[in-house]
Amino acid sequence: MASIDLDKVLDKAWADKGLPEILSAPVAALKGVSDRDGELLQQAFGVKTVADLADLKYVRWAQALAALNVPTK
């Protein structure tokens, strides 16, 4: 089972919220993402929530490419 330290990835105001509320939160709920960043993501990709960002095909493509980059010995 996967786990994550919410204090490390969310702004303080969101760290004690449940997962459904976090997923429906604006992307600015993520630590390091400003309100302006959220506006730009919405303008560029239609991303409004944390769930939208996670489902963005470009994010998934980048994650898949990074997963393929397994260092060789």
Protein backbone atom coordinates (compact mmCIF):
# COMPACT_ATOMS: atom_id res chain seq x y z
CA MET A 1 0.00 0.00 0.00
CA ALA A 2 1.31 3.44 -0.95
CA SER A 3 1.64 6.18 1.62
CA ILE A 4 2.68 9.82 1.61
CA ASP A 5 3.53 12.39 4.27
CA LEU A 6 0.83 14.99 3.62
CA ASP A 7 2.74 17.64 5.58
CA LYS A 8 5.47 17.44 2.95
CA VAL A 9 3.24 17.79 -0.11
CA LEU A 10 0.35 20.01 1.02
CA ASP A 11 0.03 23.52 2.37
CA LYS A 12 -0.73 23.52 6.10
CA ALA A 13 -4.41 24.36 5.55
CA TRP A 14 -4.93 21.11 3.63
CA ALA A 15 -2.75 18.64 5.56
CA ASP A 16 -5.56 17.56 7.90
CA LYS A 17 -8.21 17.12 5.20
CA GLY A 18 -9.50 13.83 3.87
CA LEU A 19 -8.38 12.48 0.50
CA PRO A 20 -11.63 13.31 -1.35
CA GLU A 21 -11.40 16.93 -0.19
CA ILE A 22 -7.71 17.14 -1.13
CA LEU A 23 -8.36 15.74 -4.61
CA SER A 24 -11.08 18.32 -5.20
CA ALA A 25 -8.91 21.15 -3.82
CA PRO A 26 -7.34 23.75 -6.10
CA VAL A 27 -3.83 22.85 -7.23
CA ALA A 28 -2.51 25.65 -5.01
CA ALA A 29 -3.20 23.27 -2.09
CA LEU A 30 0.02 21.52 -3.13
CA LYS A 31 3.10 22.84 -1.38
CA GLY A 32 5.07 25.06 -3.73
CA VAL A 33 2.20 25.71 -6.14
CA SER A 34 1.03 29.30 -5.97
CA ASP A 35 -2.41 30.66 -6.79
CA ARG A 36 -0.85 32.17 -9.93
CA ASP A 37 0.58 28.77 -10.90
CA GLY A 38 -2.93 27.36 -10.51
CA GLU A 39 -4.34 30.09 -12.77
CA LEU A 40 -1.72 29.34 -15.42
CA LEU A 41 -2.42 25.60 -15.24
CA GLN A 42 -6.11 26.30 -15.69
CA GLN A 43 -5.48 28.58 -18.67
CA ALA A 44 -3.04 26.21 -20.35
CA PHE A 45 -4.59 22.82 -19.62
CA GLY A 46 -7.97 23.34 -17.97
CA VAL A 47 -6.59 22.02 -14.67
CA LYS A 48 -8.60 23.26 -11.68
CA THR A 49 -8.08 20.62 -8.98
CA VAL A 50 -5.42 18.31 -7.63
CA ALA A 51 -7.30 15.42 -9.28
CA ASP A 52 -7.29 17.26 -12.62
CA LEU A 53 -3.53 17.67 -12.38
CA ALA A 54 -3.03 14.00 -11.53
CA ASP A 55 -5.16 13.01 -14.52
CA LEU A 56 -3.47 15.38 -16.96
CA LYS A 57 -2.20 13.25 -19.83
CA TYR A 58 1.08 15.20 -20.03
CA VAL A 59 1.82 14.46 -16.38
CA ARG A 60 1.08 10.76 -16.92
CA TRP A 61 3.25 10.69 -20.03
CA ALA A 62 6.15 12.34 -18.19
CA GLN A 63 5.79 9.88 -15.30
CA ALA A 64 5.79 6.93 -17.72
CA LEU A 65 8.93 8.22 -19.44
CA ALA A 66 10.67 8.76 -16.11
CA ALA A 67 9.74 5.22 -15.03
CA LEU A 68 11.39 3.87 -18.19
CA ASN A 69 14.61 5.64 -17.30
CA VAL A 70 15.97 2.89 -15.07
CA PRO A 71 19.71 3.37 -14.48
CA THR A 72 21.88 0.53 -15.75
CA LYS A 73 24.83 -0.77 -13.81
